[in-house]
N, C-alpha and C. Protein backbone atom coordinates (compact mmCIF):
# COMPACT_ATOMS: atom_id res chain seq x y z
N UNK A 1 -3.35 -20.86 8.08
CA UNK A 1 -2.38 -20.04 8.76
C UNK A 1 -2.67 -18.57 8.49
N UNK A 2 -2.72 -17.77 9.53
CA UNK A 2 -2.99 -16.34 9.41
C UNK A 2 -1.73 -15.60 9.03
N UNK A 3 -1.88 -14.72 8.06
CA UNK A 3 -0.77 -13.90 7.59
C UNK A 3 -0.55 -12.74 8.56
N UNK A 4 0.70 -12.52 8.95
CA UNK A 4 1.01 -11.42 9.85
C UNK A 4 0.84 -10.11 9.11
N UNK A 5 0.19 -9.16 9.76
CA UNK A 5 0.01 -7.82 9.22
C UNK A 5 0.66 -6.83 10.18
N UNK A 6 1.12 -5.73 9.63
CA UNK A 6 1.81 -4.71 10.42
C UNK A 6 1.10 -3.37 10.25
N UNK A 7 1.07 -2.58 11.31
CA UNK A 7 0.47 -1.26 11.22
C UNK A 7 1.27 -0.41 10.24
N UNK A 8 0.56 0.45 9.52
CA UNK A 8 1.17 1.28 8.50
C UNK A 8 2.38 2.05 9.03
N UNK A 9 2.24 2.75 10.13
CA UNK A 9 3.33 3.58 10.65
C UNK A 9 4.56 2.74 10.97
N UNK A 10 4.35 1.56 11.51
CA UNK A 10 5.45 0.67 11.86
C UNK A 10 6.18 0.20 10.61
N UNK A 11 5.41 -0.30 9.62
CA UNK A 11 6.01 -0.79 8.38
C UNK A 11 6.67 0.36 7.61
N UNK A 12 6.06 1.54 7.65
CA UNK A 12 6.61 2.69 6.95
C UNK A 12 7.96 3.08 7.55
N UNK A 13 8.08 3.02 8.86
CA UNK A 13 9.36 3.36 9.52
C UNK A 13 10.45 2.38 9.09
N UNK A 14 10.12 1.11 9.02
CA UNK A 14 11.10 0.11 8.57
C UNK A 14 11.46 0.36 7.11
N UNK A 15 10.46 0.63 6.27
CA UNK A 15 10.70 0.91 4.85
C UNK A 15 11.62 2.12 4.69
N UNK A 16 11.39 3.17 5.48
CA UNK A 16 12.24 4.35 5.40
C UNK A 16 13.68 4.03 5.80
N UNK A 17 13.86 3.15 6.79
CA UNK A 17 15.21 2.75 7.19
C UNK A 17 15.89 1.98 6.06
N UNK A 18 15.16 1.09 5.41
CA UNK A 18 15.72 0.33 4.30
C UNK A 18 16.12 1.28 3.17
N UNK A 19 15.24 2.20 2.84
CA UNK A 19 15.54 3.18 1.79
C UNK A 19 16.78 3.99 2.17
N UNK A 20 16.86 4.41 3.42
CA UNK A 20 18.01 5.18 3.89
C UNK A 20 19.32 4.42 3.65
N UNK A 21 19.36 3.17 4.01
CA UNK A 21 20.58 2.38 3.89
C UNK A 21 20.90 1.96 2.46
N UNK A 22 19.87 1.79 1.62
CA UNK A 22 20.12 1.37 0.25
C UNK A 22 20.34 2.54 -0.71
N UNK A 23 20.00 3.75 -0.29
CA UNK A 23 20.15 4.92 -1.16
C UNK A 23 21.54 5.07 -1.78
N UNK A 24 22.63 4.85 -1.04
CA UNK A 24 23.95 4.99 -1.69
C UNK A 24 24.17 4.01 -2.85
N UNK A 25 23.41 2.93 -2.90
CA UNK A 25 23.56 1.93 -3.96
C UNK A 25 22.56 2.13 -5.10
N UNK A 26 21.83 3.25 -5.06
CA UNK A 26 20.75 3.46 -6.03
C UNK A 26 20.81 4.85 -6.64
N UNK A 27 20.41 4.90 -7.91
CA UNK A 27 20.22 6.20 -8.56
C UNK A 27 18.89 6.79 -8.09
N UNK A 28 17.93 5.91 -7.82
CA UNK A 28 16.61 6.34 -7.36
C UNK A 28 16.01 5.18 -6.58
N UNK A 29 15.29 5.52 -5.50
CA UNK A 29 14.66 4.48 -4.69
C UNK A 29 13.43 5.08 -4.00
N UNK A 30 12.30 4.35 -4.05
CA UNK A 30 11.04 4.85 -3.49
C UNK A 30 10.25 3.70 -2.87
N UNK A 31 9.48 4.03 -1.86
CA UNK A 31 8.55 3.08 -1.24
C UNK A 31 7.32 2.97 -2.13
N UNK A 32 6.84 1.76 -2.35
CA UNK A 32 5.66 1.52 -3.18
C UNK A 32 4.65 0.68 -2.39
N UNK A 33 3.84 -0.08 -3.10
CA UNK A 33 2.93 -1.04 -2.49
C UNK A 33 1.88 -0.45 -1.59
N UNK A 34 1.43 -1.27 -0.65
CA UNK A 34 0.33 -0.86 0.24
C UNK A 34 0.74 0.27 1.18
N UNK A 35 2.03 0.41 1.44
CA UNK A 35 2.47 1.55 2.26
C UNK A 35 2.22 2.83 1.49
N UNK A 36 2.60 2.88 0.23
CA UNK A 36 2.38 4.08 -0.58
C UNK A 36 0.89 4.35 -0.75
N UNK A 37 0.09 3.30 -0.83
CA UNK A 37 -1.36 3.47 -0.96
C UNK A 37 -2.00 3.90 0.35
N UNK A 38 -1.22 3.88 1.45
CA UNK A 38 -1.73 4.35 2.74
C UNK A 38 -2.62 3.37 3.47
N UNK A 39 -2.48 2.09 3.19
CA UNK A 39 -3.30 1.09 3.87
C UNK A 39 -2.98 1.06 5.37
N UNK A 40 -3.99 0.84 6.18
CA UNK A 40 -3.80 0.82 7.64
C UNK A 40 -2.92 -0.34 8.08
N UNK A 41 -3.11 -1.49 7.46
CA UNK A 41 -2.33 -2.68 7.79
C UNK A 41 -1.67 -3.20 6.51
N UNK A 42 -0.40 -3.59 6.64
CA UNK A 42 0.33 -4.09 5.47
C UNK A 42 0.98 -5.42 5.80
N UNK A 43 1.14 -6.27 4.79
CA UNK A 43 1.75 -7.58 5.03
C UNK A 43 3.23 -7.61 4.68
N UNK A 44 3.67 -6.64 3.84
CA UNK A 44 5.07 -6.59 3.45
C UNK A 44 5.43 -5.18 3.01
N UNK A 45 6.68 -5.02 2.69
CA UNK A 45 7.19 -3.74 2.22
C UNK A 45 7.60 -3.92 0.77
N UNK A 46 7.17 -2.99 -0.09
CA UNK A 46 7.59 -3.02 -1.48
C UNK A 46 8.36 -1.75 -1.77
N UNK A 47 9.53 -1.91 -2.38
CA UNK A 47 10.40 -0.80 -2.71
C UNK A 47 10.83 -0.96 -4.17
N UNK A 48 10.86 0.16 -4.88
CA UNK A 48 11.31 0.17 -6.28
C UNK A 48 12.59 0.98 -6.34
N UNK A 49 13.58 0.47 -7.06
CA UNK A 49 14.87 1.16 -7.11
C UNK A 49 15.52 1.00 -8.48
N UNK A 50 16.27 2.04 -8.85
CA UNK A 50 17.18 1.95 -9.99
C UNK A 50 18.56 1.79 -9.38
N UNK A 51 19.14 0.59 -9.48
CA UNK A 51 20.41 0.35 -8.79
C UNK A 51 21.60 0.96 -9.53
N UNK A 52 22.60 1.33 -8.75
CA UNK A 52 23.90 1.68 -9.34
C UNK A 52 24.59 0.36 -9.64
N UNK A 53 25.31 0.33 -10.74
CA UNK A 53 25.97 -0.90 -11.15
C UNK A 53 27.48 -0.75 -11.03
N UNK A 54 28.11 -1.83 -10.60
CA UNK A 54 29.56 -1.87 -10.50
C UNK A 54 30.07 -2.79 -11.61
N UNK A 55 30.96 -2.27 -12.44
CA UNK A 55 31.53 -3.06 -13.52
C UNK A 55 32.65 -3.92 -12.95
N UNK A 56 32.57 -5.22 -13.20
CA UNK A 56 33.58 -6.14 -12.67
C UNK A 56 34.51 -6.67 -13.76
N UNK A 57 34.13 -6.48 -15.03
CA UNK A 57 34.99 -6.90 -16.14
C UNK A 57 34.65 -6.07 -17.37
N UNK A 58 35.70 -5.71 -18.14
CA UNK A 58 35.52 -4.94 -19.36
C UNK A 58 36.15 -5.68 -20.54
N UNK A 59 35.64 -5.36 -21.73
CA UNK A 59 36.25 -5.94 -22.94
C UNK A 59 37.46 -5.11 -23.36
N UNK A 60 38.05 -5.46 -24.47
CA UNK A 60 39.25 -4.77 -24.95
C UNK A 60 39.03 -3.29 -25.23
N UNK A 61 37.79 -2.91 -25.48
CA UNK A 61 37.48 -1.52 -25.79
C UNK A 61 36.96 -0.75 -24.57
N UNK A 62 37.01 -1.38 -23.41
CA UNK A 62 36.58 -0.73 -22.18
C UNK A 62 35.08 -0.80 -21.92
N UNK A 63 34.35 -1.56 -22.73
CA UNK A 63 32.91 -1.72 -22.54
C UNK A 63 32.66 -2.79 -21.49
N UNK A 64 31.64 -2.60 -20.64
CA UNK A 64 31.35 -3.58 -19.58
C UNK A 64 30.99 -4.96 -20.14
N UNK A 65 31.65 -5.97 -19.61
CA UNK A 65 31.31 -7.36 -19.91
C UNK A 65 30.46 -7.95 -18.79
N UNK A 66 30.85 -7.61 -17.57
CA UNK A 66 30.14 -8.10 -16.39
C UNK A 66 29.93 -6.93 -15.44
N UNK A 67 28.75 -6.91 -14.85
CA UNK A 67 28.46 -5.91 -13.84
C UNK A 67 27.41 -6.45 -12.89
N UNK A 68 27.34 -5.88 -11.72
CA UNK A 68 26.31 -6.29 -10.75
C UNK A 68 25.89 -5.06 -9.96
N UNK A 69 24.68 -5.14 -9.42
CA UNK A 69 24.19 -4.01 -8.64
C UNK A 69 24.94 -3.93 -7.31
N UNK A 70 24.84 -2.81 -6.66
CA UNK A 70 25.59 -2.56 -5.43
C UNK A 70 24.73 -2.72 -4.17
N UNK A 71 23.58 -3.38 -4.30
CA UNK A 71 22.64 -3.54 -3.19
C UNK A 71 23.26 -4.31 -2.03
N UNK A 72 23.91 -5.43 -2.33
CA UNK A 72 24.48 -6.25 -1.25
C UNK A 72 25.53 -5.48 -0.46
N UNK A 73 26.34 -4.68 -1.14
CA UNK A 73 27.34 -3.86 -0.44
C UNK A 73 26.64 -2.89 0.52
N UNK A 74 25.54 -2.30 0.08
CA UNK A 74 24.80 -1.38 0.94
C UNK A 74 24.20 -2.11 2.14
N UNK A 75 23.74 -3.35 1.92
CA UNK A 75 23.20 -4.13 3.03
C UNK A 75 24.29 -4.44 4.06
N UNK A 76 25.48 -4.77 3.59
CA UNK A 76 26.60 -5.05 4.49
C UNK A 76 26.90 -3.82 5.34
N UNK A 77 26.94 -2.64 4.69
CA UNK A 77 27.19 -1.40 5.44
C UNK A 77 26.07 -1.14 6.45
N UNK A 78 24.84 -1.41 6.07
CA UNK A 78 23.71 -1.22 7.00
C UNK A 78 23.86 -2.12 8.22
N UNK A 79 24.25 -3.36 7.97
CA UNK A 79 24.39 -4.31 9.06
C UNK A 79 25.61 -4.01 9.94
N UNK A 80 26.59 -3.30 9.39
CA UNK A 80 27.74 -2.87 10.20
C UNK A 80 27.37 -1.68 11.07
N UNK A 81 26.44 -0.86 10.58
CA UNK A 81 26.00 0.34 11.29
C UNK A 81 25.01 0.00 12.39
N UNK A 82 24.05 -0.83 12.06
CA UNK A 82 23.01 -1.26 12.99
C UNK A 82 23.33 -2.68 13.44
N UNK A 83 22.57 -3.16 14.41
CA UNK A 83 22.63 -4.57 14.74
C UNK A 83 22.22 -5.33 13.48
N UNK A 84 22.90 -6.39 13.08
CA UNK A 84 22.52 -7.06 11.83
C UNK A 84 21.02 -7.34 11.76
N UNK A 85 20.39 -6.76 10.77
CA UNK A 85 18.94 -6.84 10.68
C UNK A 85 18.39 -7.05 9.29
N UNK A 86 19.23 -6.88 8.27
CA UNK A 86 18.74 -6.95 6.91
C UNK A 86 19.48 -8.05 6.16
N UNK A 87 18.72 -9.02 5.66
CA UNK A 87 19.37 -10.11 4.91
C UNK A 87 18.49 -10.57 3.77
N UNK A 88 19.09 -11.31 2.84
CA UNK A 88 18.33 -11.88 1.74
C UNK A 88 17.48 -13.01 2.28
N UNK A 89 16.26 -13.11 1.77
CA UNK A 89 15.38 -14.22 2.13
C UNK A 89 15.80 -15.44 1.32
N UNK A 90 15.50 -16.59 1.86
CA UNK A 90 15.81 -17.85 1.19
C UNK A 90 14.50 -18.51 0.79
N UNK A 91 14.42 -18.96 -0.46
CA UNK A 91 13.23 -19.65 -0.95
C UNK A 91 13.11 -20.97 -0.19
N UNK A 92 12.01 -21.17 0.55
CA UNK A 92 11.88 -22.39 1.35
C UNK A 92 11.82 -23.67 0.53
N UNK A 93 11.38 -23.57 -0.72
CA UNK A 93 11.28 -24.77 -1.57
C UNK A 93 12.62 -25.17 -2.16
N UNK A 94 13.41 -24.19 -2.59
CA UNK A 94 14.66 -24.50 -3.30
C UNK A 94 15.90 -24.28 -2.45
N UNK A 95 15.76 -23.49 -1.38
CA UNK A 95 16.92 -23.14 -0.57
C UNK A 95 17.79 -22.06 -1.20
N UNK A 96 17.32 -21.50 -2.32
CA UNK A 96 18.08 -20.48 -3.05
C UNK A 96 17.86 -19.10 -2.42
N UNK A 97 18.92 -18.31 -2.41
CA UNK A 97 18.83 -16.92 -1.94
C UNK A 97 18.10 -16.12 -3.00
N UNK A 98 17.16 -15.27 -2.58
CA UNK A 98 16.34 -14.48 -3.51
C UNK A 98 17.05 -13.19 -3.87
N UNK A 99 18.08 -13.29 -4.70
CA UNK A 99 18.94 -12.16 -5.06
C UNK A 99 19.09 -12.09 -6.57
N UNK A 100 18.00 -11.72 -7.26
CA UNK A 100 18.04 -11.67 -8.72
C UNK A 100 18.41 -10.31 -9.27
N UNK A 101 18.46 -10.23 -10.59
CA UNK A 101 18.80 -8.98 -11.26
C UNK A 101 17.65 -7.97 -11.26
N UNK A 102 16.42 -8.47 -11.19
CA UNK A 102 15.24 -7.59 -11.24
C UNK A 102 14.45 -7.60 -9.93
N UNK A 103 14.66 -8.63 -9.12
CA UNK A 103 13.89 -8.77 -7.89
C UNK A 103 14.77 -9.37 -6.79
N UNK A 104 14.66 -8.77 -5.63
CA UNK A 104 15.36 -9.29 -4.46
C UNK A 104 14.35 -9.34 -3.32
N UNK A 105 14.36 -10.44 -2.60
CA UNK A 105 13.49 -10.54 -1.43
C UNK A 105 14.40 -10.47 -0.22
N UNK A 106 14.14 -9.47 0.60
CA UNK A 106 14.90 -9.27 1.82
C UNK A 106 13.99 -9.54 3.00
N UNK A 107 14.59 -9.64 4.17
CA UNK A 107 13.81 -9.79 5.39
C UNK A 107 14.46 -8.95 6.48
N UNK A 108 13.62 -8.30 7.25
CA UNK A 108 14.07 -7.59 8.44
C UNK A 108 14.10 -8.65 9.54
N UNK A 109 15.28 -9.06 9.95
CA UNK A 109 15.39 -10.16 10.90
C UNK A 109 14.88 -9.80 12.29
N UNK A 110 14.77 -8.51 12.59
CA UNK A 110 14.25 -8.10 13.90
C UNK A 110 12.74 -8.33 13.99
N UNK A 111 12.04 -8.08 12.88
CA UNK A 111 10.57 -8.16 12.91
C UNK A 111 10.01 -9.30 12.09
N UNK A 112 10.80 -9.79 11.13
CA UNK A 112 10.32 -10.83 10.22
C UNK A 112 9.57 -10.28 9.02
N UNK A 113 9.42 -8.97 8.93
CA UNK A 113 8.68 -8.41 7.81
C UNK A 113 9.46 -8.60 6.51
N UNK A 114 8.75 -9.04 5.47
CA UNK A 114 9.35 -9.26 4.16
C UNK A 114 9.47 -7.94 3.42
N UNK A 115 10.56 -7.80 2.67
CA UNK A 115 10.82 -6.60 1.89
C UNK A 115 11.06 -7.04 0.45
N UNK A 116 10.16 -6.64 -0.44
CA UNK A 116 10.29 -6.94 -1.85
C UNK A 116 10.95 -5.76 -2.53
N UNK A 117 12.11 -5.98 -3.12
CA UNK A 117 12.87 -4.93 -3.78
C UNK A 117 12.84 -5.20 -5.28
N UNK A 118 12.18 -4.30 -6.02
CA UNK A 118 12.04 -4.43 -7.46
C UNK A 118 13.02 -3.46 -8.12
N UNK A 119 13.91 -4.01 -8.94
CA UNK A 119 14.95 -3.21 -9.57
C UNK A 119 14.56 -2.86 -11.01
N UNK A 120 14.62 -1.59 -11.30
CA UNK A 120 14.31 -1.11 -12.64
C UNK A 120 15.62 -1.08 -13.42
N UNK A 121 15.77 -2.04 -14.30
CA UNK A 121 16.96 -2.13 -15.15
C UNK A 121 16.49 -2.27 -16.59
N UNK A 122 17.31 -1.83 -17.54
CA UNK A 122 16.89 -1.91 -18.94
C UNK A 122 16.46 -3.33 -19.30
N UNK A 123 15.39 -3.46 -20.06
CA UNK A 123 14.67 -2.43 -20.78
C UNK A 123 13.53 -1.79 -19.98
N UNK A 124 13.31 -2.20 -18.75
CA UNK A 124 12.21 -1.66 -17.95
C UNK A 124 12.35 -0.15 -17.76
N UNK A 125 11.20 0.49 -17.51
CA UNK A 125 11.20 1.92 -17.27
C UNK A 125 10.55 2.21 -15.93
N UNK A 126 11.08 3.23 -15.26
CA UNK A 126 10.64 3.58 -13.91
C UNK A 126 9.12 3.73 -13.80
N UNK A 127 8.53 4.53 -14.69
CA UNK A 127 7.10 4.83 -14.57
C UNK A 127 6.23 3.60 -14.49
N UNK A 128 6.48 2.65 -15.37
CA UNK A 128 5.67 1.42 -15.42
C UNK A 128 5.88 0.60 -14.14
N UNK A 129 7.11 0.36 -13.78
CA UNK A 129 7.39 -0.49 -12.62
C UNK A 129 6.86 0.15 -11.34
N UNK A 130 7.06 1.45 -11.17
CA UNK A 130 6.59 2.13 -9.95
C UNK A 130 5.07 2.07 -9.85
N UNK A 131 4.37 2.25 -10.96
CA UNK A 131 2.91 2.18 -10.92
C UNK A 131 2.43 0.76 -10.60
N UNK A 132 3.01 -0.22 -11.30
CA UNK A 132 2.59 -1.62 -11.09
C UNK A 132 2.88 -2.06 -9.66
N UNK A 133 4.06 -1.72 -9.13
CA UNK A 133 4.44 -2.15 -7.79
C UNK A 133 3.68 -1.39 -6.71
N UNK A 134 3.09 -0.26 -7.05
CA UNK A 134 2.23 0.43 -6.10
C UNK A 134 0.89 -0.28 -6.01
N UNK A 135 0.41 -0.82 -7.14
CA UNK A 135 -0.84 -1.58 -7.14
C UNK A 135 -2.04 -0.67 -6.97
N UNK A 136 -3.07 -1.24 -6.51
CA UNK A 136 -3.37 -2.60 -6.09
C UNK A 136 -3.48 -3.55 -7.27
N UNK A 137 -3.62 -4.84 -6.97
CA UNK A 137 -3.75 -5.83 -8.02
C UNK A 137 -4.97 -5.58 -8.90
N UNK A 138 -6.10 -5.24 -8.30
CA UNK A 138 -7.32 -4.95 -9.08
C UNK A 138 -7.12 -3.72 -9.95
N UNK A 139 -6.50 -2.68 -9.40
CA UNK A 139 -6.22 -1.47 -10.17
C UNK A 139 -5.34 -1.82 -11.37
N UNK A 140 -4.30 -2.62 -11.14
CA UNK A 140 -3.39 -2.99 -12.23
C UNK A 140 -4.11 -3.73 -13.34
N UNK A 141 -5.00 -4.65 -12.98
CA UNK A 141 -5.75 -5.40 -13.99
C UNK A 141 -6.61 -4.46 -14.84
N UNK A 142 -7.28 -3.52 -14.19
CA UNK A 142 -8.11 -2.56 -14.94
C UNK A 142 -7.23 -1.67 -15.83
N UNK A 143 -6.08 -1.28 -15.31
CA UNK A 143 -5.19 -0.40 -16.08
C UNK A 143 -4.65 -1.12 -17.31
N UNK A 144 -4.24 -2.36 -17.13
CA UNK A 144 -3.73 -3.15 -18.25
C UNK A 144 -4.84 -3.39 -19.29
N UNK A 145 -6.07 -3.60 -18.82
CA UNK A 145 -7.20 -3.75 -19.75
C UNK A 145 -7.39 -2.46 -20.54
N UNK A 146 -7.20 -1.32 -19.90
CA UNK A 146 -7.30 -0.03 -20.60
C UNK A 146 -6.23 0.07 -21.69
N UNK A 147 -5.01 -0.33 -21.37
CA UNK A 147 -3.94 -0.33 -22.38
C UNK A 147 -4.32 -1.23 -23.55
N UNK A 148 -4.86 -2.41 -23.25
CA UNK A 148 -5.28 -3.35 -24.30
C UNK A 148 -6.32 -2.70 -25.20
N UNK A 149 -7.28 -1.97 -24.60
CA UNK A 149 -8.32 -1.30 -25.37
C UNK A 149 -7.73 -0.28 -26.34
N UNK A 150 -6.59 0.30 -25.98
CA UNK A 150 -5.92 1.29 -26.82
C UNK A 150 -4.94 0.66 -27.82
N UNK A 151 -4.87 -0.68 -27.82
CA UNK A 151 -3.96 -1.37 -28.72
C UNK A 151 -2.52 -1.37 -28.23
N UNK A 152 -2.35 -1.15 -26.94
CA UNK A 152 -1.02 -1.12 -26.32
C UNK A 152 -0.84 -2.38 -25.48
N UNK A 153 0.40 -2.68 -25.17
CA UNK A 153 0.65 -3.81 -24.27
C UNK A 153 1.80 -3.47 -23.33
N UNK A 154 1.80 -4.16 -22.22
CA UNK A 154 2.84 -3.98 -21.21
C UNK A 154 3.68 -5.24 -21.21
N UNK A 155 5.01 -5.05 -21.38
CA UNK A 155 5.91 -6.20 -21.39
C UNK A 155 7.27 -5.77 -20.86
N UNK A 156 7.84 -6.59 -20.00
CA UNK A 156 9.18 -6.35 -19.46
C UNK A 156 9.34 -4.96 -18.85
N UNK A 157 8.28 -4.48 -18.19
CA UNK A 157 8.36 -3.18 -17.53
C UNK A 157 8.31 -2.01 -18.48
N UNK A 158 7.70 -2.20 -19.65
CA UNK A 158 7.58 -1.14 -20.65
C UNK A 158 6.19 -1.19 -21.26
N UNK A 159 5.80 -0.08 -21.86
CA UNK A 159 4.57 -0.05 -22.65
C UNK A 159 4.98 0.01 -24.11
N UNK A 160 4.34 -0.85 -24.91
CA UNK A 160 4.68 -0.97 -26.33
C UNK A 160 3.47 -0.69 -27.20
N UNK A 161 3.71 -0.06 -28.34
CA UNK A 161 2.71 0.04 -29.39
C UNK A 161 3.28 -0.64 -30.63
N UNK A 162 2.62 -0.50 -31.76
CA UNK A 162 3.07 -1.18 -32.99
C UNK A 162 4.45 -0.70 -33.44
N UNK A 163 4.82 0.52 -33.07
CA UNK A 163 6.11 1.09 -33.48
C UNK A 163 7.24 0.77 -32.52
N UNK A 164 6.92 0.34 -31.32
CA UNK A 164 7.98 0.03 -30.35
C UNK A 164 7.65 0.55 -28.95
N UNK A 165 8.70 0.92 -28.22
CA UNK A 165 8.57 1.33 -26.82
C UNK A 165 8.06 2.76 -26.73
N UNK A 166 7.12 2.98 -25.83
CA UNK A 166 6.65 4.32 -25.51
C UNK A 166 7.37 4.73 -24.23
N UNK A 167 8.06 5.83 -24.27
CA UNK A 167 8.87 6.29 -23.14
C UNK A 167 7.98 6.67 -21.95
N UNK A 168 8.24 6.06 -20.79
CA UNK A 168 7.50 6.36 -19.56
C UNK A 168 8.47 6.47 -18.38
N UNK A 169 9.28 7.54 -18.37
CA UNK A 169 10.25 7.67 -17.29
C UNK A 169 9.63 7.98 -15.93
N UNK A 170 8.40 8.48 -15.91
CA UNK A 170 7.71 8.79 -14.66
C UNK A 170 6.35 8.13 -14.65
N UNK A 171 5.82 7.91 -13.47
CA UNK A 171 4.51 7.30 -13.33
C UNK A 171 3.44 8.12 -14.04
N UNK A 172 3.54 9.43 -13.97
CA UNK A 172 2.55 10.30 -14.64
C UNK A 172 2.54 10.07 -16.15
N UNK A 173 3.67 9.70 -16.72
CA UNK A 173 3.75 9.41 -18.16
C UNK A 173 2.92 8.17 -18.51
N UNK A 174 2.87 7.21 -17.60
CA UNK A 174 2.09 5.99 -17.83
C UNK A 174 0.61 6.35 -17.92
N UNK A 175 0.15 7.22 -17.05
CA UNK A 175 -1.25 7.66 -17.07
C UNK A 175 -1.56 8.39 -18.38
N UNK A 176 -0.64 9.25 -18.81
CA UNK A 176 -0.85 9.99 -20.07
C UNK A 176 -0.95 9.05 -21.25
N UNK A 177 -0.07 8.07 -21.31
CA UNK A 177 -0.09 7.11 -22.41
C UNK A 177 -1.43 6.38 -22.45
N UNK A 178 -1.97 6.04 -21.28
CA UNK A 178 -3.23 5.30 -21.19
C UNK A 178 -4.45 6.22 -21.32
N UNK A 179 -4.19 7.53 -21.40
CA UNK A 179 -5.27 8.53 -21.49
C UNK A 179 -6.21 8.39 -20.30
N UNK A 180 -5.59 8.26 -19.13
CA UNK A 180 -6.31 8.13 -17.87
C UNK A 180 -5.88 9.27 -16.97
N UNK A 181 -6.84 9.88 -16.30
CA UNK A 181 -6.53 10.95 -15.36
C UNK A 181 -5.73 10.39 -14.19
N UNK A 182 -4.74 11.15 -13.71
CA UNK A 182 -3.92 10.74 -12.57
C UNK A 182 -4.82 10.33 -11.42
N UNK A 183 -4.47 9.24 -10.78
CA UNK A 183 -5.22 8.76 -9.62
C UNK A 183 -4.24 8.60 -8.48
N UNK A 184 -4.52 9.28 -7.38
CA UNK A 184 -3.68 9.20 -6.20
C UNK A 184 -3.54 7.74 -5.75
N UNK A 185 -2.34 7.34 -5.32
CA UNK A 185 -2.16 5.95 -4.89
C UNK A 185 -3.17 5.48 -3.83
N UNK A 186 -3.62 6.38 -2.97
CA UNK A 186 -4.57 5.98 -1.92
C UNK A 186 -5.94 5.59 -2.50
N UNK A 187 -6.18 5.92 -3.75
CA UNK A 187 -7.47 5.62 -4.39
C UNK A 187 -7.37 4.45 -5.37
N UNK A 188 -6.21 3.80 -5.40
CA UNK A 188 -6.03 2.69 -6.37
C UNK A 188 -6.36 1.36 -5.75
């Protein structure tokens, strides 16, 4: 079976619309993946976001007991504004909706294009997740091997050394930690 591919400009326009509608539910949201790398043809849309959280229950001291991201509320508003076009994808094997705490799979029902939404939540850090989700897969493997050579490891969206977490709030910080010169996404 041949995988459907979409022209960059077309997929980028859809990604920008998704970002536009999800922005109110996010502290930060950016397009990643093959669109960010500038590939001519793309198979899906990858977006990285730091979601805003809504507290649904507090303890006796006012500390959050339960909370959830506000992505679904933003999708409902998007579908009220536009013809309903954005929904959660369903896993064909399990029938489960792909609506997790760190990853959500959406689909643009008008085009069928898949949208992978990666949520940066503690302990993950923006820089690591944004770089990894931009890819490419080969670039990521080489980068992780470089970290290994330096005695570092990547786990749960963070870079760790023997002392603990190395702060990487921006993608450029990840390059500095790895002692690698910045590389434009189009060259990865």
